Amino acid sequence: MSLTLDLTPDEEARLQSAAARRGLDLPQYARQRLLSPVATRQPRSRLDEAIALFDQEIVSLETGARLAGLSQSAFLDALGKAGVSALQYPVEEALAEADAL
């Protein structure tokens, strides 16, 4: 089976970054993320699913809000209540910017 995803450039960059942090290439990481919850998957709400995808840096804030059926502001509130940071800033970028100071 083949799967094709239409991602925004920002979503693709985040996915690439998450894969690189785990020492995987993008296809390996995507396969791992897609298959890992299959065996233990329990029904979750659209909001829980969107929060999990956002936390794993698979979707952007905008896409997560859309998946959850919320405004971006309401999705930000939900992220805070779930203890998930709304700032997805790769460590490499933060270190590079700190070195530039």
N, C-alpha and C. Protein backbone atom coordinates (compact mmCIF):
# COMPACT_ATOMS: atom_id res chain seq x y z
N MET A 1 0.84 -1.18 0.00
CA MET A 1 0.00 0.00 0.00
C MET A 1 0.88 1.23 0.00
N SER A 2 0.48 2.21 -0.75
CA SER A 2 1.19 3.49 -0.78
C SER A 2 0.28 4.56 -0.22
N LEU A 3 0.88 5.55 0.40
CA LEU A 3 0.15 6.65 0.99
C LEU A 3 0.80 7.95 0.56
N THR A 4 -0.01 8.89 0.10
CA THR A 4 0.50 10.20 -0.30
C THR A 4 -0.14 11.25 0.60
N LEU A 5 0.69 12.12 1.16
CA LEU A 5 0.20 13.21 2.00
C LEU A 5 0.50 14.54 1.35
N ASP A 6 -0.47 15.43 1.35
CA ASP A 6 -0.25 16.80 0.88
C ASP A 6 0.02 17.64 2.12
N LEU A 7 1.26 18.07 2.27
CA LEU A 7 1.67 18.87 3.43
C LEU A 7 2.08 20.26 2.98
N THR A 8 1.89 21.23 3.87
CA THR A 8 2.42 22.55 3.59
C THR A 8 3.93 22.48 3.73
N PRO A 9 4.67 23.42 3.15
CA PRO A 9 6.13 23.40 3.32
C PRO A 9 6.54 23.43 4.79
N ASP A 10 5.80 24.16 5.62
CA ASP A 10 6.11 24.23 7.05
C ASP A 10 5.89 22.87 7.72
N GLU A 11 4.80 22.20 7.39
CA GLU A 11 4.53 20.89 7.97
C GLU A 11 5.59 19.88 7.54
N GLU A 12 5.99 19.94 6.27
CA GLU A 12 7.02 19.02 5.79
C GLU A 12 8.35 19.28 6.49
N ALA A 13 8.69 20.56 6.69
CA ALA A 13 9.94 20.90 7.37
C ALA A 13 9.92 20.39 8.82
N ARG A 14 8.79 20.52 9.48
CA ARG A 14 8.68 20.03 10.87
C ARG A 14 8.82 18.51 10.92
N LEU A 15 8.20 17.85 9.97
CA LEU A 15 8.29 16.40 9.92
C LEU A 15 9.72 15.95 9.65
N GLN A 16 10.40 16.65 8.73
CA GLN A 16 11.81 16.36 8.43
C GLN A 16 12.65 16.56 9.69
N SER A 17 12.40 17.65 10.40
CA SER A 17 13.15 17.96 11.62
C SER A 17 12.93 16.90 12.69
N ALA A 18 11.68 16.49 12.88
CA ALA A 18 11.37 15.45 13.87
C ALA A 18 12.04 14.13 13.49
N ALA A 19 12.04 13.80 12.21
CA ALA A 19 12.69 12.57 11.75
C ALA A 19 14.20 12.63 12.01
N ALA A 20 14.81 13.76 11.68
CA ALA A 20 16.25 13.91 11.86
C ALA A 20 16.64 13.81 13.33
N ARG A 21 15.83 14.38 14.22
CA ARG A 21 16.12 14.29 15.66
C ARG A 21 16.09 12.85 16.15
N ARG A 22 15.38 12.00 15.47
CA ARG A 22 15.30 10.59 15.86
C ARG A 22 16.22 9.71 15.04
N GLY A 23 17.02 10.32 14.16
CA GLY A 23 17.97 9.57 13.35
C GLY A 23 17.32 8.76 12.25
N LEU A 24 16.17 9.20 11.77
CA LEU A 24 15.44 8.48 10.74
C LEU A 24 15.28 9.37 9.50
N ASP A 25 15.09 8.72 8.35
CA ASP A 25 14.73 9.53 7.19
C ASP A 25 13.22 9.71 7.22
N LEU A 26 12.71 10.60 6.39
CA LEU A 26 11.30 10.95 6.44
C LEU A 26 10.37 9.76 6.21
N PRO A 27 10.60 8.91 5.21
CA PRO A 27 9.70 7.76 5.04
C PRO A 27 9.70 6.82 6.26
N GLN A 28 10.88 6.58 6.84
CA GLN A 28 10.95 5.72 8.03
C GLN A 28 10.16 6.32 9.19
N TYR A 29 10.36 7.62 9.39
CA TYR A 29 9.68 8.29 10.50
C TYR A 29 8.16 8.29 10.30
N ALA A 30 7.72 8.60 9.09
CA ALA A 30 6.29 8.63 8.81
C ALA A 30 5.68 7.24 9.04
N ARG A 31 6.36 6.22 8.57
CA ARG A 31 5.87 4.84 8.76
C ARG A 31 5.78 4.51 10.25
N GLN A 32 6.83 4.88 10.99
CA GLN A 32 6.84 4.61 12.44
C GLN A 32 5.69 5.33 13.13
N ARG A 33 5.48 6.59 12.79
CA ARG A 33 4.43 7.37 13.44
C ARG A 33 3.04 6.84 13.08
N LEU A 34 2.88 6.39 11.85
CA LEU A 34 1.58 5.89 11.43
C LEU A 34 1.26 4.53 12.03
N LEU A 35 2.26 3.67 12.15
CA LEU A 35 2.01 2.31 12.60
C LEU A 35 2.11 2.11 14.10
N SER A 36 2.86 2.92 14.80
CA SER A 36 3.08 2.69 16.23
C SER A 36 1.79 2.69 17.05
N PRO A 37 0.83 3.56 16.79
CA PRO A 37 -0.36 3.52 17.64
C PRO A 37 -1.39 2.47 17.24
N VAL A 38 -1.19 1.78 16.12
CA VAL A 38 -2.20 0.86 15.62
C VAL A 38 -2.50 -0.25 16.63
N ALA A 39 -1.49 -0.85 17.21
CA ALA A 39 -1.70 -1.98 18.11
C ALA A 39 -2.36 -1.57 19.42
N THR A 40 -2.08 -0.38 19.89
CA THR A 40 -2.60 0.05 21.19
C THR A 40 -3.65 1.14 21.08
N ARG A 41 -4.08 1.42 19.90
CA ARG A 41 -4.98 2.55 19.67
C ARG A 41 -6.31 2.36 20.39
N GLN A 42 -6.70 3.39 21.10
CA GLN A 42 -8.00 3.44 21.74
C GLN A 42 -8.73 4.64 21.14
N PRO A 43 -10.04 4.58 21.10
CA PRO A 43 -10.78 5.71 20.53
C PRO A 43 -10.45 7.00 21.27
N ARG A 44 -10.19 8.04 20.49
CA ARG A 44 -9.90 9.35 21.08
C ARG A 44 -10.77 10.38 20.38
N SER A 45 -10.97 11.47 21.05
CA SER A 45 -11.75 12.54 20.46
C SER A 45 -10.93 13.22 19.36
N ARG A 46 -11.62 13.97 18.51
CA ARG A 46 -10.92 14.72 17.47
C ARG A 46 -9.90 15.69 18.09
N LEU A 47 -10.28 16.28 19.22
CA LEU A 47 -9.37 17.20 19.89
C LEU A 47 -8.13 16.48 20.39
N ASP A 48 -8.31 15.34 21.05
CA ASP A 48 -7.16 14.57 21.54
C ASP A 48 -6.25 14.15 20.39
N GLU A 49 -6.86 13.73 19.29
CA GLU A 49 -6.08 13.32 18.12
C GLU A 49 -5.29 14.50 17.56
N ALA A 50 -5.94 15.66 17.45
CA ALA A 50 -5.27 16.85 16.92
C ALA A 50 -4.12 17.29 17.83
N ILE A 51 -4.35 17.23 19.15
CA ILE A 51 -3.30 17.60 20.10
C ILE A 51 -2.11 16.65 19.97
N ALA A 52 -2.38 15.36 19.85
CA ALA A 52 -1.30 14.37 19.71
C ALA A 52 -0.51 14.62 18.42
N LEU A 53 -1.19 14.88 17.33
CA LEU A 53 -0.50 15.14 16.06
C LEU A 53 0.33 16.42 16.13
N PHE A 54 -0.21 17.44 16.78
CA PHE A 54 0.52 18.69 16.94
C PHE A 54 1.75 18.47 17.83
N ASP A 55 1.56 17.76 18.93
CA ASP A 55 2.66 17.51 19.87
C ASP A 55 3.79 16.72 19.21
N GLN A 56 3.45 15.84 18.27
CA GLN A 56 4.45 15.05 17.56
C GLN A 56 5.02 15.82 16.36
N GLU A 57 4.61 17.08 16.22
CA GLU A 57 5.08 17.95 15.14
C GLU A 57 4.72 17.41 13.76
N ILE A 58 3.58 16.74 13.68
CA ILE A 58 3.11 16.22 12.42
C ILE A 58 2.24 17.26 11.71
N VAL A 59 1.49 18.03 12.49
CA VAL A 59 0.64 19.07 11.91
C VAL A 59 0.96 20.41 12.55
N SER A 60 0.64 21.47 11.84
CA SER A 60 0.83 22.83 12.34
C SER A 60 -0.31 23.21 13.29
N LEU A 61 -0.18 24.36 13.91
CA LEU A 61 -1.23 24.87 14.78
C LEU A 61 -2.52 25.05 13.99
N GLU A 62 -2.41 25.63 12.81
CA GLU A 62 -3.58 25.86 11.96
C GLU A 62 -4.27 24.54 11.60
N THR A 63 -3.49 23.56 11.17
CA THR A 63 -4.07 22.27 10.78
C THR A 63 -4.64 21.55 11.99
N GLY A 64 -3.95 21.60 13.12
CA GLY A 64 -4.45 20.98 14.34
C GLY A 64 -5.79 21.56 14.76
N ALA A 65 -5.90 22.88 14.71
CA ALA A 65 -7.16 23.54 15.06
C ALA A 65 -8.27 23.09 14.11
N ARG A 66 -7.95 23.04 12.83
CA ARG A 66 -8.94 22.63 11.83
C ARG A 66 -9.39 21.18 12.08
N LEU A 67 -8.44 20.30 12.38
CA LEU A 67 -8.78 18.90 12.66
C LEU A 67 -9.67 18.77 13.90
N ALA A 68 -9.40 19.61 14.89
CA ALA A 68 -10.17 19.56 16.13
C ALA A 68 -11.52 20.26 16.00
N GLY A 69 -11.70 21.01 14.91
CA GLY A 69 -12.94 21.75 14.73
C GLY A 69 -13.02 22.98 15.62
N LEU A 70 -11.85 23.55 15.92
CA LEU A 70 -11.77 24.72 16.80
C LEU A 70 -11.10 25.89 16.08
N SER A 71 -11.28 27.08 16.65
CA SER A 71 -10.49 28.23 16.19
C SER A 71 -9.06 28.02 16.69
N GLN A 72 -8.12 28.75 16.11
CA GLN A 72 -6.74 28.62 16.56
C GLN A 72 -6.61 29.04 18.02
N SER A 73 -7.35 30.07 18.41
CA SER A 73 -7.31 30.54 19.79
C SER A 73 -7.81 29.45 20.76
N ALA A 74 -8.93 28.81 20.40
CA ALA A 74 -9.47 27.75 21.25
C ALA A 74 -8.52 26.55 21.28
N PHE A 75 -7.87 26.26 20.14
CA PHE A 75 -6.93 25.14 20.10
C PHE A 75 -5.71 25.46 20.98
N LEU A 76 -5.25 26.71 20.97
CA LEU A 76 -4.15 27.11 21.85
C LEU A 76 -4.52 26.89 23.31
N ASP A 77 -5.75 27.25 23.68
CA ASP A 77 -6.21 27.03 25.05
C ASP A 77 -6.21 25.54 25.38
N ALA A 78 -6.68 24.72 24.44
CA ALA A 78 -6.73 23.27 24.65
C ALA A 78 -5.32 22.69 24.79
N LEU A 79 -4.37 23.20 24.01
CA LEU A 79 -2.98 22.75 24.13
C LEU A 79 -2.46 23.05 25.54
N GLY A 80 -2.73 24.25 26.01
CA GLY A 80 -2.29 24.64 27.36
C GLY A 80 -2.88 23.74 28.43
N LYS A 81 -4.17 23.45 28.32
CA LYS A 81 -4.83 22.57 29.29
C LYS A 81 -4.27 21.15 29.25
N ALA A 82 -3.81 20.74 28.06
CA ALA A 82 -3.24 19.39 27.90
C ALA A 82 -1.76 19.36 28.27
N GLY A 83 -1.19 20.52 28.59
CA GLY A 83 0.23 20.58 28.95
C GLY A 83 1.17 20.47 27.77
N VAL A 84 0.68 20.83 26.58
CA VAL A 84 1.48 20.77 25.36
C VAL A 84 1.89 22.19 24.98
N SER A 85 3.17 22.41 24.79
CA SER A 85 3.66 23.72 24.40
C SER A 85 3.23 24.04 22.98
N ALA A 86 2.77 25.25 22.78
CA ALA A 86 2.36 25.69 21.45
C ALA A 86 3.57 26.12 20.62
N LEU A 87 4.73 26.23 21.25
CA LEU A 87 5.93 26.64 20.53
C LEU A 87 6.67 25.41 20.06
N GLN A 88 6.72 25.23 18.77
CA GLN A 88 7.46 24.12 18.19
C GLN A 88 8.70 24.71 17.52
N TYR A 89 9.75 24.79 18.30
CA TYR A 89 10.97 25.43 17.84
C TYR A 89 12.10 24.42 17.94
N PRO A 90 12.61 23.96 16.80
CA PRO A 90 13.67 22.95 16.84
C PRO A 90 14.88 23.40 17.66
N VAL A 91 15.42 22.49 18.43
CA VAL A 91 16.56 22.79 19.28
C VAL A 91 17.73 23.32 18.46
N GLU A 92 17.94 22.73 17.28
CA GLU A 92 19.05 23.16 16.43
C GLU A 92 18.94 24.64 16.08
N GLU A 93 17.73 25.10 15.76
CA GLU A 93 17.53 26.51 15.42
C GLU A 93 17.76 27.40 16.63
N ALA A 94 17.29 26.98 17.79
CA ALA A 94 17.47 27.77 19.00
C ALA A 94 18.96 27.90 19.33
N LEU A 95 19.70 26.81 19.21
CA LEU A 95 21.15 26.84 19.49
C LEU A 95 21.88 27.72 18.48
N ALA A 96 21.50 27.62 17.21
CA ALA A 96 22.15 28.43 16.18
C ALA A 96 21.89 29.91 16.43
N GLU A 97 20.68 30.24 16.83
CA GLU A 97 20.37 31.64 17.11
C GLU A 97 21.10 32.12 18.36
N ALA A 98 21.23 31.25 19.36
CA ALA A 98 21.95 31.62 20.58
C ALA A 98 23.43 31.85 20.28
N ASP A 99 24.00 31.03 19.40
CA ASP A 99 25.40 31.19 19.01
C ASP A 99 25.61 32.48 18.25
N ALA A 100 24.60 32.92 17.51
CA ALA A 100 24.71 34.14 16.71
C ALA A 100 24.67 35.40 17.56
N LEU A 101 24.22 35.29 18.80
CA LEU A 101 24.11 36.48 19.67
C LEU A 101 25.43 36.96 20.16
